[in-house]
N, C-alpha and C. Protein backbone atom coordinates (compact mmCIF):
# COMPACT_ATOMS: atom_id res chain seq x y z
N MET A 1 0.61 28.41 -15.40
CA MET A 1 1.16 27.49 -14.43
C MET A 1 0.59 27.75 -13.04
N MET A 2 0.36 29.01 -12.71
CA MET A 2 -0.17 29.34 -11.40
C MET A 2 -1.56 28.76 -11.20
N ASP A 3 -2.37 28.67 -12.28
CA ASP A 3 -3.70 28.09 -12.15
C ASP A 3 -3.62 26.63 -11.73
N VAL A 4 -2.63 25.92 -12.22
CA VAL A 4 -2.47 24.51 -11.89
C VAL A 4 -2.16 24.35 -10.41
N LEU A 5 -1.36 25.24 -9.85
CA LEU A 5 -0.94 25.14 -8.46
C LEU A 5 -1.90 25.81 -7.48
N GLN A 6 -2.89 26.51 -8.00
CA GLN A 6 -3.84 27.19 -7.13
C GLN A 6 -4.57 26.17 -6.25
N GLY A 7 -4.56 26.39 -4.95
CA GLY A 7 -5.23 25.50 -4.02
C GLY A 7 -4.38 24.36 -3.50
N VAL A 8 -3.17 24.17 -4.04
CA VAL A 8 -2.31 23.08 -3.59
C VAL A 8 -1.95 23.23 -2.13
N GLU A 9 -1.76 24.47 -1.68
CA GLU A 9 -1.38 24.68 -0.28
C GLU A 9 -2.48 24.24 0.68
N ASP A 10 -3.70 24.07 0.20
CA ASP A 10 -4.82 23.66 1.03
C ASP A 10 -4.99 22.14 1.09
N VAL A 11 -4.16 21.40 0.35
CA VAL A 11 -4.28 19.95 0.33
C VAL A 11 -3.86 19.39 1.68
N VAL A 12 -4.70 18.54 2.24
CA VAL A 12 -4.41 17.90 3.51
C VAL A 12 -4.68 16.41 3.36
N TYR A 13 -3.70 15.63 3.70
CA TYR A 13 -3.86 14.18 3.71
C TYR A 13 -3.90 13.72 5.16
N LYS A 14 -5.06 13.26 5.60
CA LYS A 14 -5.21 12.80 6.98
C LYS A 14 -4.97 11.30 7.09
N THR A 15 -5.36 10.55 6.07
CA THR A 15 -5.18 9.10 6.07
C THR A 15 -4.59 8.68 4.74
N ILE A 16 -3.47 7.97 4.81
CA ILE A 16 -2.77 7.50 3.62
C ILE A 16 -2.78 5.98 3.62
N LEU A 17 -3.30 5.40 2.56
CA LEU A 17 -3.35 3.94 2.40
C LEU A 17 -2.10 3.49 1.65
N VAL A 18 -1.43 2.47 2.21
CA VAL A 18 -0.21 1.94 1.60
C VAL A 18 -0.37 0.43 1.42
N PRO A 19 -0.71 -0.01 0.20
CA PRO A 19 -0.80 -1.44 -0.06
C PRO A 19 0.59 -2.04 -0.25
N LEU A 20 0.84 -3.18 0.39
CA LEU A 20 2.12 -3.87 0.30
C LEU A 20 1.86 -5.33 -0.03
N ASP A 21 2.77 -5.95 -0.79
CA ASP A 21 2.55 -7.34 -1.18
C ASP A 21 3.43 -8.33 -0.42
N GLY A 22 4.14 -7.87 0.59
CA GLY A 22 4.98 -8.77 1.36
C GLY A 22 6.42 -8.83 0.90
N SER A 23 6.73 -8.18 -0.20
CA SER A 23 8.09 -8.23 -0.74
C SER A 23 8.93 -7.07 -0.22
N ASP A 24 10.25 -7.26 -0.24
CA ASP A 24 11.16 -6.18 0.12
C ASP A 24 11.05 -5.03 -0.88
N LEU A 25 10.82 -5.36 -2.14
CA LEU A 25 10.69 -4.34 -3.17
C LEU A 25 9.50 -3.42 -2.87
N ALA A 26 8.38 -4.00 -2.53
CA ALA A 26 7.19 -3.19 -2.22
C ALA A 26 7.43 -2.33 -0.99
N ALA A 27 8.11 -2.89 0.02
CA ALA A 27 8.36 -2.16 1.26
C ALA A 27 9.42 -1.08 1.12
N SER A 28 10.13 -1.06 0.00
CA SER A 28 11.20 -0.08 -0.19
C SER A 28 10.69 1.36 -0.28
N ILE A 29 9.40 1.55 -0.44
CA ILE A 29 8.84 2.90 -0.52
C ILE A 29 8.55 3.48 0.86
N LEU A 30 8.74 2.70 1.92
CA LEU A 30 8.28 3.11 3.24
C LEU A 30 8.99 4.34 3.81
N ASP A 31 10.25 4.56 3.47
CA ASP A 31 10.92 5.77 3.96
C ASP A 31 10.25 7.02 3.40
N GLN A 32 9.93 6.99 2.10
CA GLN A 32 9.25 8.14 1.50
C GLN A 32 7.83 8.28 2.03
N VAL A 33 7.16 7.16 2.23
CA VAL A 33 5.80 7.19 2.77
C VAL A 33 5.82 7.77 4.19
N GLY A 34 6.79 7.35 4.99
CA GLY A 34 6.91 7.87 6.35
C GLY A 34 7.15 9.37 6.37
N ALA A 35 8.02 9.85 5.49
CA ALA A 35 8.29 11.29 5.41
C ALA A 35 7.04 12.06 4.99
N LEU A 36 6.30 11.51 4.05
CA LEU A 36 5.06 12.14 3.60
C LEU A 36 4.05 12.22 4.74
N ALA A 37 3.89 11.12 5.46
CA ALA A 37 2.94 11.08 6.58
C ALA A 37 3.35 12.06 7.68
N GLN A 38 4.64 12.13 7.98
CA GLN A 38 5.10 13.08 8.99
C GLN A 38 4.84 14.51 8.55
N GLY A 39 5.08 14.80 7.29
CA GLY A 39 4.87 16.14 6.78
C GLY A 39 3.43 16.61 6.89
N TYR A 40 2.50 15.69 6.72
CA TYR A 40 1.08 16.04 6.79
C TYR A 40 0.44 15.71 8.14
N GLY A 41 1.19 15.05 9.01
CA GLY A 41 0.61 14.59 10.27
C GLY A 41 -0.46 13.55 10.02
N ALA A 42 -0.25 12.74 8.98
CA ALA A 42 -1.26 11.77 8.55
C ALA A 42 -1.11 10.43 9.24
N ARG A 43 -2.21 9.73 9.31
CA ARG A 43 -2.25 8.35 9.79
C ARG A 43 -2.01 7.45 8.59
N LEU A 44 -1.19 6.40 8.79
CA LEU A 44 -0.94 5.43 7.73
C LEU A 44 -1.80 4.20 7.95
N LEU A 45 -2.37 3.71 6.88
CA LEU A 45 -3.11 2.45 6.89
C LEU A 45 -2.37 1.50 5.95
N LEU A 46 -1.63 0.55 6.54
CA LEU A 46 -0.90 -0.44 5.76
C LEU A 46 -1.80 -1.64 5.52
N MET A 47 -1.77 -2.16 4.30
CA MET A 47 -2.59 -3.33 4.02
C MET A 47 -1.85 -4.28 3.11
N THR A 48 -2.21 -5.54 3.20
CA THR A 48 -1.76 -6.53 2.25
C THR A 48 -2.97 -7.37 1.88
N VAL A 49 -2.95 -7.88 0.67
CA VAL A 49 -4.08 -8.66 0.16
C VAL A 49 -3.59 -10.03 -0.25
N GLY A 50 -4.19 -11.05 0.35
CA GLY A 50 -3.86 -12.42 -0.01
C GLY A 50 -4.90 -12.98 -0.96
N SER A 51 -4.48 -13.92 -1.75
CA SER A 51 -5.40 -14.59 -2.67
C SER A 51 -6.17 -15.66 -1.92
N SER A 52 -7.42 -15.82 -2.27
CA SER A 52 -8.18 -16.91 -1.67
C SER A 52 -7.76 -18.20 -2.37
N LEU A 53 -7.60 -19.23 -1.57
CA LEU A 53 -7.15 -20.52 -2.10
C LEU A 53 -8.34 -21.34 -2.58
N PRO A 54 -8.12 -22.21 -3.56
CA PRO A 54 -9.21 -23.07 -4.03
C PRO A 54 -9.71 -23.97 -2.90
N VAL A 55 -11.00 -24.07 -2.78
CA VAL A 55 -11.61 -24.88 -1.72
C VAL A 55 -11.23 -26.35 -1.86
N SER A 56 -10.86 -26.77 -3.05
CA SER A 56 -10.54 -28.18 -3.28
C SER A 56 -9.22 -28.61 -2.65
N LEU A 57 -8.38 -27.66 -2.24
CA LEU A 57 -7.12 -28.02 -1.60
C LEU A 57 -7.39 -28.64 -0.23
N PRO A 58 -6.64 -29.70 0.11
CA PRO A 58 -6.82 -30.27 1.45
C PRO A 58 -6.34 -29.27 2.50
N ARG A 59 -7.04 -29.20 3.61
CA ARG A 59 -6.69 -28.32 4.73
C ARG A 59 -6.60 -26.85 4.31
N VAL A 60 -7.43 -26.45 3.37
CA VAL A 60 -7.38 -25.08 2.84
C VAL A 60 -7.53 -24.03 3.94
N GLN A 61 -8.39 -24.29 4.91
CA GLN A 61 -8.59 -23.30 5.98
C GLN A 61 -7.33 -23.13 6.83
N ASP A 62 -6.63 -24.24 7.11
CA ASP A 62 -5.39 -24.16 7.88
C ASP A 62 -4.32 -23.39 7.11
N ILE A 63 -4.22 -23.66 5.82
CA ILE A 63 -3.24 -22.97 4.99
C ILE A 63 -3.56 -21.48 4.91
N GLN A 64 -4.84 -21.16 4.68
CA GLN A 64 -5.25 -19.75 4.58
C GLN A 64 -4.98 -19.03 5.89
N LEU A 65 -5.25 -19.67 7.00
CA LEU A 65 -5.01 -19.07 8.31
C LEU A 65 -3.51 -18.83 8.53
N SER A 66 -2.69 -19.78 8.15
CA SER A 66 -1.24 -19.63 8.28
C SER A 66 -0.73 -18.47 7.43
N LEU A 67 -1.21 -18.37 6.20
CA LEU A 67 -0.81 -17.26 5.33
C LEU A 67 -1.25 -15.91 5.89
N THR A 68 -2.43 -15.88 6.48
CA THR A 68 -2.93 -14.65 7.09
C THR A 68 -2.06 -14.24 8.27
N PHE A 69 -1.69 -15.22 9.12
CA PHE A 69 -0.81 -14.93 10.25
C PHE A 69 0.54 -14.40 9.77
N GLN A 70 1.07 -14.97 8.70
CA GLN A 70 2.35 -14.50 8.16
C GLN A 70 2.23 -13.05 7.66
N ALA A 71 1.12 -12.76 6.99
CA ALA A 71 0.90 -11.40 6.48
C ALA A 71 0.75 -10.41 7.63
N GLU A 72 0.04 -10.82 8.68
CA GLU A 72 -0.11 -9.94 9.85
C GLU A 72 1.23 -9.68 10.52
N ALA A 73 2.07 -10.72 10.63
CA ALA A 73 3.39 -10.55 11.24
C ALA A 73 4.26 -9.60 10.42
N TYR A 74 4.19 -9.73 9.10
CA TYR A 74 4.92 -8.84 8.18
C TYR A 74 4.51 -7.38 8.41
N LEU A 75 3.20 -7.13 8.46
CA LEU A 75 2.71 -5.77 8.65
C LEU A 75 3.04 -5.24 10.05
N GLU A 76 3.00 -6.11 11.06
CA GLU A 76 3.33 -5.69 12.42
C GLU A 76 4.79 -5.25 12.53
N ARG A 77 5.70 -5.95 11.85
CA ARG A 77 7.11 -5.54 11.86
C ARG A 77 7.27 -4.15 11.25
N ILE A 78 6.59 -3.92 10.15
CA ILE A 78 6.66 -2.61 9.51
C ILE A 78 6.01 -1.55 10.39
N ARG A 79 4.86 -1.88 10.97
CA ARG A 79 4.17 -0.93 11.86
C ARG A 79 5.08 -0.54 13.03
N ASP A 80 5.74 -1.53 13.64
CA ASP A 80 6.62 -1.24 14.77
C ASP A 80 7.75 -0.29 14.36
N ARG A 81 8.30 -0.50 13.18
CA ARG A 81 9.37 0.37 12.69
C ARG A 81 8.87 1.81 12.50
N LEU A 82 7.69 1.94 11.90
CA LEU A 82 7.15 3.27 11.61
C LEU A 82 6.66 3.98 12.88
N THR A 83 6.05 3.24 13.80
CA THR A 83 5.57 3.88 15.03
C THR A 83 6.74 4.31 15.92
N SER A 84 7.88 3.62 15.81
CA SER A 84 9.05 4.04 16.58
C SER A 84 9.57 5.40 16.10
N ASN A 85 9.15 5.79 14.90
CA ASN A 85 9.49 7.12 14.36
C ASN A 85 8.38 8.14 14.63
N GLY A 86 7.41 7.76 15.47
CA GLY A 86 6.37 8.69 15.86
C GLY A 86 5.14 8.72 14.97
N LEU A 87 5.02 7.79 14.04
CA LEU A 87 3.88 7.78 13.14
C LEU A 87 2.72 6.96 13.71
N GLN A 88 1.51 7.36 13.35
CA GLN A 88 0.31 6.61 13.71
C GLN A 88 0.04 5.63 12.57
N VAL A 89 0.04 4.33 12.89
CA VAL A 89 -0.06 3.30 11.86
C VAL A 89 -1.08 2.24 12.26
N GLU A 90 -1.94 1.90 11.31
CA GLU A 90 -2.87 0.78 11.46
C GLU A 90 -2.57 -0.23 10.36
N THR A 91 -2.91 -1.49 10.61
CA THR A 91 -2.66 -2.53 9.61
C THR A 91 -3.92 -3.36 9.39
N THR A 92 -4.01 -3.93 8.21
CA THR A 92 -5.11 -4.84 7.91
C THR A 92 -4.70 -5.81 6.82
N VAL A 93 -5.24 -7.02 6.92
CA VAL A 93 -5.02 -8.05 5.91
C VAL A 93 -6.37 -8.39 5.30
N CYS A 94 -6.43 -8.41 3.98
CA CYS A 94 -7.66 -8.75 3.26
C CYS A 94 -7.40 -9.95 2.36
N ILE A 95 -8.46 -10.61 1.97
CA ILE A 95 -8.39 -11.73 1.03
C ILE A 95 -9.25 -11.36 -0.16
N GLY A 96 -8.69 -11.50 -1.37
CA GLY A 96 -9.46 -11.21 -2.57
C GLY A 96 -8.58 -10.68 -3.69
N ASP A 97 -9.21 -9.99 -4.61
CA ASP A 97 -8.50 -9.37 -5.72
C ASP A 97 -7.80 -8.11 -5.20
N PRO A 98 -6.47 -8.00 -5.37
CA PRO A 98 -5.74 -6.88 -4.78
C PRO A 98 -6.29 -5.50 -5.16
N ALA A 99 -6.48 -5.23 -6.43
CA ALA A 99 -6.96 -3.90 -6.83
C ALA A 99 -8.33 -3.60 -6.24
N SER A 100 -9.23 -4.55 -6.29
CA SER A 100 -10.58 -4.34 -5.74
C SER A 100 -10.55 -4.10 -4.24
N GLU A 101 -9.73 -4.88 -3.53
CA GLU A 101 -9.63 -4.72 -2.08
C GLU A 101 -9.02 -3.38 -1.70
N ILE A 102 -8.02 -2.94 -2.45
CA ILE A 102 -7.39 -1.64 -2.19
C ILE A 102 -8.41 -0.52 -2.37
N LEU A 103 -9.15 -0.56 -3.46
CA LEU A 103 -10.16 0.48 -3.72
C LEU A 103 -11.26 0.45 -2.67
N GLU A 104 -11.70 -0.73 -2.28
CA GLU A 104 -12.74 -0.85 -1.26
C GLU A 104 -12.24 -0.32 0.08
N MET A 105 -11.00 -0.65 0.43
CA MET A 105 -10.42 -0.17 1.68
C MET A 105 -10.32 1.35 1.69
N SER A 106 -9.97 1.94 0.55
CA SER A 106 -9.85 3.40 0.49
C SER A 106 -11.19 4.07 0.74
N GLU A 107 -12.27 3.47 0.28
CA GLU A 107 -13.60 4.02 0.52
C GLU A 107 -14.05 3.79 1.96
N ARG A 108 -13.85 2.57 2.43
CA ARG A 108 -14.32 2.20 3.77
C ARG A 108 -13.66 3.04 4.86
N HIS A 109 -12.39 3.38 4.68
CA HIS A 109 -11.65 4.13 5.70
C HIS A 109 -11.50 5.61 5.36
N GLN A 110 -12.23 6.07 4.36
CA GLN A 110 -12.21 7.48 3.95
C GLN A 110 -10.77 7.99 3.80
N VAL A 111 -10.01 7.25 3.01
CA VAL A 111 -8.61 7.55 2.75
C VAL A 111 -8.51 8.78 1.86
N ASP A 112 -7.48 9.59 2.09
CA ASP A 112 -7.27 10.80 1.30
C ASP A 112 -6.26 10.61 0.17
N LEU A 113 -5.39 9.60 0.31
CA LEU A 113 -4.32 9.37 -0.65
C LEU A 113 -3.92 7.90 -0.60
N ILE A 114 -3.67 7.33 -1.77
CA ILE A 114 -3.11 5.98 -1.85
C ILE A 114 -1.68 6.13 -2.37
N VAL A 115 -0.73 5.52 -1.67
CA VAL A 115 0.66 5.49 -2.13
C VAL A 115 1.00 4.04 -2.40
N ILE A 116 1.35 3.74 -3.65
CA ILE A 116 1.57 2.36 -4.07
C ILE A 116 2.87 2.27 -4.86
N ASN A 117 3.53 1.14 -4.72
CA ASN A 117 4.72 0.88 -5.51
C ASN A 117 4.29 0.56 -6.93
N SER A 118 5.07 1.00 -7.90
CA SER A 118 4.70 0.76 -9.29
C SER A 118 4.68 -0.72 -9.63
N ARG A 119 5.48 -1.51 -8.93
CA ARG A 119 5.51 -2.96 -9.15
C ARG A 119 5.72 -3.65 -7.82
N GLY A 120 5.04 -4.75 -7.65
CA GLY A 120 5.27 -5.57 -6.47
C GLY A 120 6.47 -6.48 -6.67
N GLY A 121 6.75 -7.27 -5.69
CA GLY A 121 7.90 -8.16 -5.74
C GLY A 121 7.78 -9.26 -6.76
N GLN A 122 6.58 -9.52 -7.24
CA GLN A 122 6.38 -10.60 -8.20
C GLN A 122 6.59 -10.15 -9.64
N GLY A 123 6.54 -8.84 -9.86
CA GLY A 123 6.62 -8.33 -11.23
C GLY A 123 8.03 -8.23 -11.74
N ALA A 124 8.19 -8.44 -13.03
CA ALA A 124 9.50 -8.27 -13.67
C ALA A 124 9.79 -6.79 -13.81
N PRO A 125 11.07 -6.40 -13.76
CA PRO A 125 11.40 -4.98 -13.92
C PRO A 125 10.85 -4.44 -15.24
N SER A 126 10.25 -3.27 -15.17
CA SER A 126 9.64 -2.67 -16.34
C SER A 126 9.44 -1.19 -16.08
N PRO A 127 9.54 -0.36 -17.11
CA PRO A 127 9.27 1.06 -16.92
C PRO A 127 7.77 1.35 -16.80
N PHE A 128 6.94 0.35 -17.00
CA PHE A 128 5.50 0.53 -16.97
C PHE A 128 4.92 0.11 -15.62
N LEU A 129 3.71 0.53 -15.34
CA LEU A 129 3.04 0.16 -14.11
C LEU A 129 2.69 -1.31 -14.10
N GLY A 130 2.75 -1.90 -12.92
CA GLY A 130 2.26 -3.25 -12.74
C GLY A 130 0.75 -3.24 -12.85
N SER A 131 0.16 -4.40 -12.99
CA SER A 131 -1.29 -4.47 -13.22
C SER A 131 -2.10 -3.94 -12.05
N VAL A 132 -1.68 -4.23 -10.81
CA VAL A 132 -2.44 -3.75 -9.65
C VAL A 132 -2.34 -2.23 -9.56
N ALA A 133 -1.13 -1.69 -9.66
CA ALA A 133 -0.96 -0.23 -9.59
C ALA A 133 -1.74 0.47 -10.69
N ALA A 134 -1.72 -0.09 -11.88
CA ALA A 134 -2.44 0.51 -13.01
C ALA A 134 -3.95 0.49 -12.76
N LYS A 135 -4.47 -0.63 -12.27
CA LYS A 135 -5.92 -0.72 -12.00
C LYS A 135 -6.33 0.27 -10.92
N VAL A 136 -5.54 0.34 -9.85
CA VAL A 136 -5.87 1.25 -8.76
C VAL A 136 -5.81 2.70 -9.23
N ALA A 137 -4.74 3.07 -9.91
CA ALA A 137 -4.59 4.45 -10.40
C ALA A 137 -5.71 4.82 -11.37
N GLY A 138 -6.13 3.87 -12.19
CA GLY A 138 -7.17 4.14 -13.18
C GLY A 138 -8.57 4.20 -12.62
N ALA A 139 -8.82 3.53 -11.50
CA ALA A 139 -10.18 3.44 -10.98
C ALA A 139 -10.42 4.23 -9.70
N SER A 140 -9.38 4.74 -9.08
CA SER A 140 -9.53 5.41 -7.79
C SER A 140 -10.21 6.77 -7.93
N ALA A 141 -11.06 7.07 -6.96
CA ALA A 141 -11.72 8.38 -6.91
C ALA A 141 -10.87 9.39 -6.15
N ILE A 142 -9.78 8.93 -5.54
CA ILE A 142 -8.89 9.82 -4.79
C ILE A 142 -7.50 9.79 -5.43
N PRO A 143 -6.63 10.73 -5.06
CA PRO A 143 -5.29 10.74 -5.65
C PRO A 143 -4.51 9.46 -5.34
N VAL A 144 -3.73 9.02 -6.32
CA VAL A 144 -2.85 7.86 -6.17
C VAL A 144 -1.44 8.32 -6.51
N PHE A 145 -0.54 8.15 -5.56
CA PHE A 145 0.86 8.52 -5.71
C PHE A 145 1.62 7.22 -5.97
N VAL A 146 2.19 7.08 -7.16
CA VAL A 146 2.88 5.85 -7.55
C VAL A 146 4.38 6.09 -7.46
N LEU A 147 5.04 5.26 -6.65
CA LEU A 147 6.49 5.32 -6.52
C LEU A 147 7.11 4.13 -7.23
N HIS A 148 8.25 4.36 -7.84
CA HIS A 148 8.96 3.28 -8.53
C HIS A 148 10.19 2.93 -7.71
N ALA A 149 10.27 1.70 -7.24
CA ALA A 149 11.40 1.26 -6.43
C ALA A 149 12.40 0.51 -7.29
N LYS A 150 13.65 0.79 -7.03
CA LYS A 150 14.72 0.05 -7.69
C LYS A 150 14.88 -1.29 -6.98
N ALA A 151 15.46 -2.26 -7.66
CA ALA A 151 15.70 -3.56 -7.06
C ALA A 151 16.59 -3.45 -5.83
N GLY A 152 17.44 -2.43 -5.77
CA GLY A 152 18.31 -2.22 -4.62
C GLY A 152 17.57 -1.73 -3.39
N GLY A 153 16.30 -1.39 -3.55
CA GLY A 153 15.48 -1.04 -2.41
C GLY A 153 15.19 0.43 -2.21
N GLU A 154 15.70 1.31 -3.05
CA GLU A 154 15.46 2.74 -2.88
C GLU A 154 14.35 3.19 -3.82
N ALA A 155 13.38 3.88 -3.28
CA ALA A 155 12.24 4.33 -4.09
C ALA A 155 12.57 5.62 -4.81
N GLN A 156 11.99 5.75 -6.00
CA GLN A 156 12.10 6.97 -6.79
C GLN A 156 10.70 7.43 -7.14
N ARG A 157 10.54 8.73 -7.38
CA ARG A 157 9.25 9.25 -7.83
C ARG A 157 9.16 9.11 -9.31
């Protein structure tokens, strides 16, 4: 057992990526994420990923812009809450495939840890990982910490 824990005390997380889908369920992990970031003195990078809309929709650019503004406002509210607790927080909104964008963001920003909810707000309750969490955990080159949130809003490990 000691071999497994050897070197754990040297683990340092400087940047933690937290993908959120805009739901209350996804955001329910933020208290644990905040505590983790404070413990390591880490910077949080909050992100949300929107789907690109079909070009055939009328006024697609206006709709996409409106959705992006809504996502930015959602992340800003969360950022304000976390920074009021003394945390360093950055936010970003991406458009594309959620798992791919999360993995790309982790590389681009040299993230040390990804903390993701096991299911987003769109997923039905299940003891299994949601598709995005499963893809990220399976393909990430860095550690992925998956939290499972109850519908009541409290996250569990």
